[in-house]
Amino acid sequence: RLEGCKGMGADFSEGYFADTVAGKCNFS
């Protein structure tokens, strides 16, 4: 679970997200 997190310019490439919820996060 991710809430109110920042990930601007982060590299999540080739990743794996399972049973995950993100709310009000900034991934610009």
PDB file of all heavy atoms in Angstrom:
ATOM      1  N   ARG A   1       0.847  -1.185   0.000  1.00  0.00           N
ATOM      2  CA  ARG A   1       0.000   0.000   0.000  1.00  0.00           C
ATOM      3  C   ARG A   1       0.884   1.237   0.000  1.00  0.00           C
ATOM      4  O   ARG A   1       1.832   1.335   0.783  1.00  0.00           O
ATOM      5  CB  ARG A   1      -0.913   0.031   1.224  1.00  0.00           C
ATOM      6  CG  ARG A   1      -1.904  -1.116   1.300  1.00  0.00           C
ATOM      7  CD  ARG A   1      -2.961  -1.021   0.197  1.00  0.00           C
ATOM      8  NE  ARG A   1      -3.940  -2.097   0.267  1.00  0.00           N
ATOM      9  CZ  ARG A   1      -3.800  -3.279  -0.334  1.00  0.00           C
ATOM     10  NH1 ARG A   1      -2.697  -3.542  -1.019  1.00  0.00           N
ATOM     11  NH2 ARG A   1      -4.746  -4.186  -0.246  1.00  0.00           N
ATOM     12  N   LEU A   2       0.572   2.195  -0.890  1.00  0.00           N
ATOM     13  CA  LEU A   2       1.290   3.468  -0.943  1.00  0.00           C
ATOM     14  C   LEU A   2       0.264   4.584  -0.865  1.00  0.00           C
ATOM     15  O   LEU A   2      -0.697   4.601  -1.652  1.00  0.00           O
ATOM     16  CB  LEU A   2       2.101   3.605  -2.227  1.00  0.00           C
ATOM     17  CG  LEU A   2       3.214   2.589  -2.507  1.00  0.00           C
ATOM     18  CD1 LEU A   2       2.666   1.394  -3.302  1.00  0.00           C
ATOM     19  CD2 LEU A   2       4.348   3.228  -3.290  1.00  0.00           C
ATOM     20  N   GLU A   3       0.445   5.507   0.054  1.00  0.00           N
ATOM     21  CA  GLU A   3      -0.485   6.610   0.211  1.00  0.00           C
ATOM     22  C   GLU A   3       0.289   7.909   0.351  1.00  0.00           C
ATOM     23  O   GLU A   3       1.170   8.043   1.217  1.00  0.00           O
ATOM     24  CB  GLU A   3      -1.366   6.395   1.447  1.00  0.00           C
ATOM     25  CG  GLU A   3      -2.467   7.429   1.612  1.00  0.00           C
ATOM     26  CD  GLU A   3      -3.557   7.337   0.543  1.00  0.00           C
ATOM     27  OE1 GLU A   3      -3.775   6.229   0.009  1.00  0.00           O
ATOM     28  OE2 GLU A   3      -4.181   8.373   0.241  1.00  0.00           O
ATOM     29  N   GLY A   4      -0.023   8.876  -0.544  1.00  0.00           N
ATOM     30  CA  GLY A   4       0.598  10.185  -0.466  1.00  0.00           C
ATOM     31  C   GLY A   4       2.096  10.179  -0.712  1.00  0.00           C
ATOM     32  O   GLY A   4       2.811  11.035  -0.188  1.00  0.00           O
ATOM     33  N   CYS A   5       2.569   9.232  -1.505  1.00  0.00           N
ATOM     34  CA  CYS A   5       4.010   9.113  -1.748  1.00  0.00           C
ATOM     35  C   CYS A   5       4.435   9.883  -2.996  1.00  0.00           C
ATOM     36  O   CYS A   5       3.627  10.165  -3.876  1.00  0.00           O
ATOM     37  CB  CYS A   5       4.408   7.644  -1.895  1.00  0.00           C
ATOM     38  SG  CYS A   5       4.215   6.680  -0.374  1.00  0.00           S
ATOM     39  N   LYS A   6       5.731  10.200  -3.071  1.00  0.00           N
ATOM     40  CA  LYS A   6       6.317  10.857  -4.234  1.00  0.00           C
ATOM     41  C   LYS A   6       7.280   9.897  -4.922  1.00  0.00           C
ATOM     42  O   LYS A   6       8.066   9.218  -4.256  1.00  0.00           O
ATOM     43  CB  LYS A   6       7.073  12.116  -3.820  1.00  0.00           C
ATOM     44  CG  LYS A   6       6.224  13.192  -3.168  1.00  0.00           C
ATOM     45  CD  LYS A   6       7.087  14.367  -2.738  1.00  0.00           C
ATOM     46  CE  LYS A   6       6.279  15.425  -2.020  1.00  0.00           C
ATOM     47  NZ  LYS A   6       7.135  16.561  -1.562  1.00  0.00           N
ATOM     48  N   GLY A   7       7.206   9.886  -6.254  1.00  0.00           N
ATOM     49  CA  GLY A   7       8.141   9.079  -7.022  1.00  0.00           C
ATOM     50  C   GLY A   7       8.526   9.794  -8.302  1.00  0.00           C
ATOM     51  O   GLY A   7       8.684   9.177  -9.353  1.00  0.00           O
ATOM     52  N   MET A   8       8.682  11.112  -8.229  1.00  0.00           N
ATOM     53  CA  MET A   8       8.978  11.894  -9.433  1.00  0.00           C
ATOM     54  C   MET A   8      10.334  11.493 -10.009  1.00  0.00           C
ATOM     55  O   MET A   8      11.336  11.459  -9.300  1.00  0.00           O
ATOM     56  CB  MET A   8       8.991  13.387  -9.121  1.00  0.00           C
ATOM     57  CG  MET A   8       7.616  13.961  -8.821  1.00  0.00           C
ATOM     58  SD  MET A   8       7.223  13.870  -7.077  1.00  0.00           S
ATOM     59  CE  MET A   8       8.158  15.260  -6.476  1.00  0.00           C
ATOM     60  N   GLY A   9      10.315  11.143 -11.275  1.00  0.00           N
ATOM     61  CA  GLY A   9      11.553  10.777 -11.946  1.00  0.00           C
ATOM     62  C   GLY A   9      12.140   9.447 -11.501  1.00  0.00           C
ATOM     63  O   GLY A   9      13.272   9.116 -11.874  1.00  0.00           O
ATOM     64  N   ALA A  10      11.419   8.673 -10.728  1.00  0.00           N
ATOM     65  CA  ALA A  10      11.936   7.380 -10.259  1.00  0.00           C
ATOM     66  C   ALA A  10      11.881   6.349 -11.381  1.00  0.00           C
ATOM     67  O   ALA A  10      11.074   6.445 -12.309  1.00  0.00           O
ATOM     68  CB  ALA A  10      11.137   6.888  -9.061  1.00  0.00           C
ATOM     69  N   ASP A  11      12.749   5.355 -11.303  1.00  0.00           N
ATOM     70  CA  ASP A  11      12.821   4.300 -12.310  1.00  0.00           C
ATOM     71  C   ASP A  11      12.225   3.018 -11.741  1.00  0.00           C
ATOM     72  O   ASP A  11      12.857   2.324 -10.937  1.00  0.00           O
ATOM     73  CB  ASP A  11      14.275   4.074 -12.736  1.00  0.00           C
ATOM     74  CG  ASP A  11      14.410   3.040 -13.848  1.00  0.00           C
ATOM     75  OD1 ASP A  11      13.374   2.497 -14.294  1.00  0.00           O
ATOM     76  OD2 ASP A  11      15.542   2.782 -14.284  1.00  0.00           O
ATOM     77  N   PHE A  12      10.966   2.721 -12.141  1.00  0.00           N
ATOM     78  CA  PHE A  12      10.287   1.491 -11.736  1.00  0.00           C
ATOM     79  C   PHE A  12      10.279   0.472 -12.878  1.00  0.00           C
ATOM     80  O   PHE A  12       9.528  -0.505 -12.832  1.00  0.00           O
ATOM     81  CB  PHE A  12       8.835   1.785 -11.350  1.00  0.00           C
ATOM     82  CG  PHE A  12       8.664   2.678 -10.150  1.00  0.00           C
ATOM     83  CD1 PHE A  12       8.513   4.052 -10.301  1.00  0.00           C
ATOM     84  CD2 PHE A  12       8.621   2.148  -8.865  1.00  0.00           C
ATOM     85  CE1 PHE A  12       8.324   4.878  -9.199  1.00  0.00           C
ATOM     86  CE2 PHE A  12       8.440   2.961  -7.759  1.00  0.00           C
ATOM     87  CZ  PHE A  12       8.294   4.335  -7.928  1.00  0.00           C
ATOM     88  N   SER A  13      11.094   0.663 -13.890  1.00  0.00           N
ATOM     89  CA  SER A  13      11.014  -0.156 -15.103  1.00  0.00           C
ATOM     90  C   SER A  13      11.302  -1.628 -14.821  1.00  0.00           C
ATOM     91  O   SER A  13      12.042  -1.976 -13.892  1.00  0.00           O
ATOM     92  CB  SER A  13      11.981   0.368 -16.166  1.00  0.00           C
ATOM     93  OG  SER A  13      13.324   0.283 -15.711  1.00  0.00           O
ATOM     94  N   GLU A  14      10.691  -2.492 -15.647  1.00  0.00           N
ATOM     95  CA  GLU A  14      10.879  -3.946 -15.564  1.00  0.00           C
ATOM     96  C   GLU A  14      10.535  -4.486 -14.172  1.00  0.00           C
ATOM     97  O   GLU A  14      11.050  -5.527 -13.752  1.00  0.00           O
ATOM     98  CB  GLU A  14      12.328  -4.327 -15.924  1.00  0.00           C
ATOM     99  CG  GLU A  14      12.798  -3.813 -17.280  1.00  0.00           C
ATOM    100  CD  GLU A  14      11.993  -4.395 -18.439  1.00  0.00           C
ATOM    101  OE1 GLU A  14      11.475  -5.525 -18.300  1.00  0.00           O
ATOM    102  OE2 GLU A  14      11.880  -3.711 -19.479  1.00  0.00           O
ATOM    103  N   GLY A  15       9.639  -3.789 -13.478  1.00  0.00           N
ATOM    104  CA  GLY A  15       9.266  -4.205 -12.133  1.00  0.00           C
ATOM    105  C   GLY A  15       8.050  -5.113 -12.123  1.00  0.00           C
ATOM    106  O   GLY A  15       7.526  -5.523 -13.164  1.00  0.00           O
ATOM    107  N   TYR A  16       7.599  -5.431 -10.905  1.00  0.00           N
ATOM    108  CA  TYR A  16       6.450  -6.313 -10.718  1.00  0.00           C
ATOM    109  C   TYR A  16       5.618  -5.780  -9.561  1.00  0.00           C
ATOM    110  O   TYR A  16       6.105  -5.683  -8.434  1.00  0.00           O
ATOM    111  CB  TYR A  16       6.912  -7.739 -10.426  1.00  0.00           C
ATOM    112  CG  TYR A  16       5.787  -8.728 -10.190  1.00  0.00           C
ATOM    113  CD1 TYR A  16       4.949  -9.113 -11.228  1.00  0.00           C
ATOM    114  CD2 TYR A  16       5.579  -9.283  -8.928  1.00  0.00           C
ATOM    115  CE1 TYR A  16       3.924 -10.021 -11.015  1.00  0.00           C
ATOM    116  CE2 TYR A  16       4.553 -10.192  -8.708  1.00  0.00           C
ATOM    117  CZ  TYR A  16       3.734 -10.562  -9.756  1.00  0.00           C
ATOM    118  OH  TYR A  16       2.713 -11.462  -9.550  1.00  0.00           O
ATOM    119  N   PHE A  17       4.366  -5.395  -9.865  1.00  0.00           N
ATOM    120  CA  PHE A  17       3.434  -4.916  -8.851  1.00  0.00           C
ATOM    121  C   PHE A  17       2.287  -5.917  -8.768  1.00  0.00           C
ATOM    122  O   PHE A  17       1.609  -6.178  -9.774  1.00  0.00           O
ATOM    123  CB  PHE A  17       2.858  -3.552  -9.241  1.00  0.00           C
ATOM    124  CG  PHE A  17       3.789  -2.381  -9.078  1.00  0.00           C
ATOM    125  CD1 PHE A  17       5.033  -2.341  -9.706  1.00  0.00           C
ATOM    126  CD2 PHE A  17       3.410  -1.288  -8.313  1.00  0.00           C
ATOM    127  CE1 PHE A  17       5.878  -1.261  -9.572  1.00  0.00           C
ATOM    128  CE2 PHE A  17       4.247  -0.184  -8.177  1.00  0.00           C
ATOM    129  CZ  PHE A  17       5.489  -0.169  -8.799  1.00  0.00           C
ATOM    130  N   ALA A  18       2.045  -6.477  -7.588  1.00  0.00           N
ATOM    131  CA  ALA A  18       0.942  -7.419  -7.416  1.00  0.00           C
ATOM    132  C   ALA A  18       0.214  -7.115  -6.112  1.00  0.00           C
ATOM    133  O   ALA A  18       0.847  -6.844  -5.084  1.00  0.00           O
ATOM    134  CB  ALA A  18       1.461  -8.856  -7.421  1.00  0.00           C
ATOM    135  N   ASP A  19      -1.116  -7.144  -6.165  1.00  0.00           N
ATOM    136  CA  ASP A  19      -1.930  -6.861  -4.978  1.00  0.00           C
ATOM    137  C   ASP A  19      -1.457  -5.575  -4.308  1.00  0.00           C
ATOM    138  O   ASP A  19      -1.183  -5.531  -3.100  1.00  0.00           O
ATOM    139  CB  ASP A  19      -1.867  -8.037  -3.999  1.00  0.00           C
ATOM    140  CG  ASP A  19      -2.539  -9.279  -4.564  1.00  0.00           C
ATOM    141  OD1 ASP A  19      -3.756  -9.230  -4.816  1.00  0.00           O
ATOM    142  OD2 ASP A  19      -1.836 -10.278  -4.771  1.00  0.00           O
ATOM    143  N   THR A  20      -1.371  -4.528  -5.123  1.00  0.00           N
ATOM    144  CA  THR A  20      -0.841  -3.242  -4.661  1.00  0.00           C
ATOM    145  C   THR A  20      -1.859  -2.134  -4.907  1.00  0.00           C
ATOM    146  O   THR A  20      -2.496  -2.095  -5.963  1.00  0.00           O
ATOM    147  CB  THR A  20       0.483  -2.918  -5.371  1.00  0.00           C
ATOM    148  OG1 THR A  20       1.474  -3.876  -4.964  1.00  0.00           O
ATOM    149  CG2 THR A  20       0.978  -1.529  -5.023  1.00  0.00           C
ATOM    150  N   VAL A  21      -2.001  -1.250  -3.942  1.00  0.00           N
ATOM    151  CA  VAL A  21      -2.899  -0.098  -4.057  1.00  0.00           C
ATOM    152  C   VAL A  21      -2.091   1.166  -3.779  1.00  0.00           C
ATOM    153  O   VAL A  21      -1.365   1.233  -2.780  1.00  0.00           O
ATOM    154  CB  VAL A  21      -4.074  -0.188  -3.059  1.00  0.00           C
ATOM    155  CG1 VAL A  21      -4.921   1.083  -3.115  1.00  0.00           C
ATOM    156  CG2 VAL A  21      -4.938  -1.410  -3.347  1.00  0.00           C
ATOM    157  N   ALA A  22      -2.201   2.152  -4.670  1.00  0.00           N
ATOM    158  CA  ALA A  22      -1.527   3.440  -4.485  1.00  0.00           C
ATOM    159  C   ALA A  22      -2.563   4.551  -4.579  1.00  0.00           C
ATOM    160  O   ALA A  22      -3.353   4.589  -5.526  1.00  0.00           O
ATOM    161  CB  ALA A  22      -0.433   3.637  -5.526  1.00  0.00           C
ATOM    162  N   GLY A  23      -2.569   5.441  -3.620  1.00  0.00           N
ATOM    163  CA  GLY A  23      -3.515   6.548  -3.618  1.00  0.00           C
ATOM    164  C   GLY A  23      -2.828   7.889  -3.420  1.00  0.00           C
ATOM    165  O   GLY A  23      -1.930   8.021  -2.572  1.00  0.00           O
ATOM    166  N   LYS A  24      -3.216   8.866  -4.220  1.00  0.00           N
ATOM    167  CA  LYS A  24      -2.709  10.234  -4.109  1.00  0.00           C
ATOM    168  C   LYS A  24      -1.183  10.288  -4.156  1.00  0.00           C
ATOM    169  O   LYS A  24      -0.548  11.013  -3.378  1.00  0.00           O
ATOM    170  CB  LYS A  24      -3.238  10.898  -2.843  1.00  0.00           C
ATOM    171  CG  LYS A  24      -4.756  11.030  -2.812  1.00  0.00           C
ATOM    172  CD  LYS A  24      -5.251  11.708  -1.547  1.00  0.00           C
ATOM    173  CE  LYS A  24      -6.759  11.826  -1.555  1.00  0.00           C
ATOM    174  NZ  LYS A  24      -7.278  12.474  -0.316  1.00  0.00           N
ATOM    175  N   CYS A  25      -0.607   9.526  -5.073  1.00  0.00           N
ATOM    176  CA  CYS A  25       0.851   9.513  -5.246  1.00  0.00           C
ATOM    177  C   CYS A  25       1.246  10.295  -6.488  1.00  0.00           C
ATOM    178  O   CYS A  25       0.490  10.356  -7.463  1.00  0.00           O
ATOM    179  CB  CYS A  25       1.363   8.074  -5.352  1.00  0.00           C
ATOM    180  SG  CYS A  25       1.118   7.090  -3.851  1.00  0.00           S
ATOM    181  N   ASN A  26       2.430  10.878  -6.473  1.00  0.00           N
ATOM    182  CA  ASN A  26       2.933  11.661  -7.593  1.00  0.00           C
ATOM    183  C   ASN A  26       4.072  10.908  -8.272  1.00  0.00           C
ATOM    184  O   ASN A  26       5.173  10.811  -7.732  1.00  0.00           O
ATOM    185  CB  ASN A  26       3.428  13.028  -7.120  1.00  0.00           C
ATOM    186  CG  ASN A  26       3.778  13.950  -8.268  1.00  0.00           C
ATOM    187  OD1 ASN A  26       3.888  13.524  -9.422  1.00  0.00           O
ATOM    188  ND2 ASN A  26       3.962  15.223  -7.972  1.00  0.00           N
ATOM    189  N   PHE A  27       3.785  10.350  -9.463  1.00  0.00           N
ATOM    190  CA  PHE A  27       4.771   9.604 -10.236  1.00  0.00           C
ATOM    191  C   PHE A  27       5.152  10.342 -11.521  1.00  0.00           C
ATOM    192  O   PHE A  27       5.543   9.725 -12.510  1.00  0.00           O
ATOM    193  CB  PHE A  27       4.226   8.222 -10.608  1.00  0.00           C
ATOM    194  CG  PHE A  27       3.917   7.336  -9.432  1.00  0.00           C
ATOM    195  CD1 PHE A  27       2.617   6.926  -9.182  1.00  0.00           C
ATOM    196  CD2 PHE A  27       4.917   6.908  -8.583  1.00  0.00           C
ATOM    197  CE1 PHE A  27       2.320   6.102  -8.104  1.00  0.00           C
ATOM    198  CE2 PHE A  27       4.636   6.082  -7.506  1.00  0.00           C
ATOM    199  CZ  PHE A  27       3.337   5.668  -7.264  1.00  0.00           C
ATOM    200  N   SER A  28       5.038  11.655 -11.535  1.00  0.00           N
ATOM    201  CA  SER A  28       5.355  12.404 -12.750  1.00  0.00           C
ATOM    202  C   SER A  28       6.809  12.156 -13.170  1.00  0.00           C
ATOM    203  O   SER A  28       7.701  12.060 -12.329  1.00  0.00           O
ATOM    204  CB  SER A  28       5.110  13.901 -12.542  1.00  0.00           C
ATOM    205  OG  SER A  28       5.910  14.413 -11.500  1.00  0.00           O
TER     206      SER A  28
END
